[in-house]
N, C-alpha and C. Protein backbone atom coordinates (compact mmCIF):
# COMPACT_ATOMS: atom_id res chain seq x y z
N MET A 1 17.87 -18.24 5.95
CA MET A 1 17.46 -17.43 5.30
C MET A 1 15.93 -16.95 6.17
N VAL A 2 15.20 -18.35 6.06
CA VAL A 2 14.01 -17.86 7.15
C VAL A 2 14.07 -17.09 8.41
N GLN A 3 15.44 -17.77 9.07
CA GLN A 3 15.83 -16.92 10.36
C GLN A 3 15.95 -15.67 10.09
N ASN A 4 16.74 -15.30 9.48
CA ASN A 4 16.97 -13.78 8.89
C ASN A 4 15.60 -13.29 8.65
N THR A 5 14.91 -13.61 7.90
CA THR A 5 13.56 -12.92 8.01
C THR A 5 12.65 -12.71 9.15
N THR A 6 12.82 -14.07 10.01
CA THR A 6 11.85 -14.00 10.96
C THR A 6 12.65 -12.89 12.26
N ARG A 7 14.01 -12.51 11.88
CA ARG A 7 14.74 -11.60 12.90
C ARG A 7 14.30 -10.42 12.32
N LYS A 8 14.25 -9.92 11.52
CA LYS A 8 14.13 -8.56 10.61
C LYS A 8 12.60 -8.43 11.14
N LEU A 9 11.61 -9.50 11.11
CA LEU A 9 10.16 -9.39 11.21
C LEU A 9 9.99 -9.01 12.77
N LEU A 10 10.74 -9.61 13.64
CA LEU A 10 10.74 -9.13 15.10
C LEU A 10 11.40 -7.69 15.22
N TRP A 11 12.34 -7.58 14.56
CA TRP A 11 12.90 -5.84 14.62
C TRP A 11 11.60 -5.29 14.54
N PHE A 12 10.86 -5.15 13.33
CA PHE A 12 9.94 -4.69 12.87
C PHE A 12 8.90 -4.30 13.90
N ILE A 13 8.65 -5.33 14.48
CA ILE A 13 7.34 -5.41 15.45
C ILE A 13 7.62 -4.40 16.76
N ALA A 14 9.11 -5.13 16.59
CA ALA A 14 9.81 -4.10 18.25
C ALA A 14 9.58 -2.56 17.97
N ILE A 15 9.98 -2.34 17.03
CA ILE A 15 10.09 -0.67 16.66
C ILE A 15 8.83 -0.15 16.82
N TRP A 16 7.76 -0.88 15.68
CA TRP A 16 6.55 -0.80 15.73
C TRP A 16 5.69 -0.48 17.23
N CYS A 17 6.08 -1.30 17.87
CA CYS A 17 5.27 -1.15 19.50
C CYS A 17 5.63 -0.05 20.08
N ALA A 18 7.38 -0.06 20.18
CA ALA A 18 8.03 1.31 20.87
C ALA A 18 7.23 2.69 20.21
N SER A 19 7.03 2.77 19.21
CA SER A 19 6.80 4.15 18.69
C SER A 19 5.65 4.24 18.63
N VAL A 20 4.55 2.89 18.78
CA VAL A 20 3.16 3.18 19.61
C VAL A 20 2.95 3.83 20.62
N THR A 21 3.86 2.84 21.35
CA THR A 21 4.03 3.50 23.09
C THR A 21 4.15 4.63 23.22
N ILE A 22 5.33 5.12 22.47
CA ILE A 22 6.04 6.58 22.41
C ILE A 22 4.74 7.55 22.51
N LEU A 23 4.04 7.39 21.17
CA LEU A 23 3.09 8.27 20.70
C LEU A 23 2.16 8.29 21.69
N GLY A 24 1.69 7.19 22.31
CA GLY A 24 0.59 6.92 23.01
C GLY A 24 0.91 8.28 24.44
N ILE A 25 2.03 7.92 24.90
CA ILE A 25 2.57 8.54 26.05
C ILE A 25 2.64 10.37 25.88
N VAL A 26 3.16 10.52 24.52
CA VAL A 26 2.97 11.97 24.37
C VAL A 26 1.82 12.26 23.81
N ALA A 27 0.88 11.74 23.30
CA ALA A 27 -0.63 12.27 23.46
C ALA A 27 -1.16 12.32 24.52
N TYR A 28 -1.08 11.54 25.60
CA TYR A 28 -1.49 11.62 27.44
C TYR A 28 -1.24 12.70 27.72
N ALA A 29 0.17 13.26 27.59
CA ALA A 29 1.28 14.24 27.99
C ALA A 29 0.39 15.23 27.56
N ILE A 30 0.21 15.51 26.42
CA ILE A 30 -0.82 16.71 25.66
C ILE A 30 -1.70 16.62 26.33
N LYS A 31 -2.51 15.94 26.06
CA LYS A 31 -4.07 15.88 26.75
C LYS A 31 -3.99 16.31 28.22
N LEU A 32 -3.02 16.06 28.92
CA LEU A 32 -3.04 16.45 30.17
C LEU A 32 -2.60 17.66 30.44
N VAL A 33 -1.71 18.33 29.35
CA VAL A 33 -1.54 19.47 29.56
C VAL A 33 -2.25 20.58 29.15
N VAL A 34 -3.35 20.59 27.79
CA VAL A 34 -4.48 20.85 27.46
C VAL A 34 -5.38 21.06 28.23
N LEU A 35 -5.93 20.11 29.09
CA LEU A 35 -7.09 19.82 29.81
C LEU A 35 -6.51 20.21 31.13
């Protein structure tokens, strides 16, 4: 049970980090285009 919860937590962290990274790259690209 604990292992399953930990696995879900790791997946959540991994997806969250990926989303933040993608948003950062998109924001950086938009900044380059605008400026």
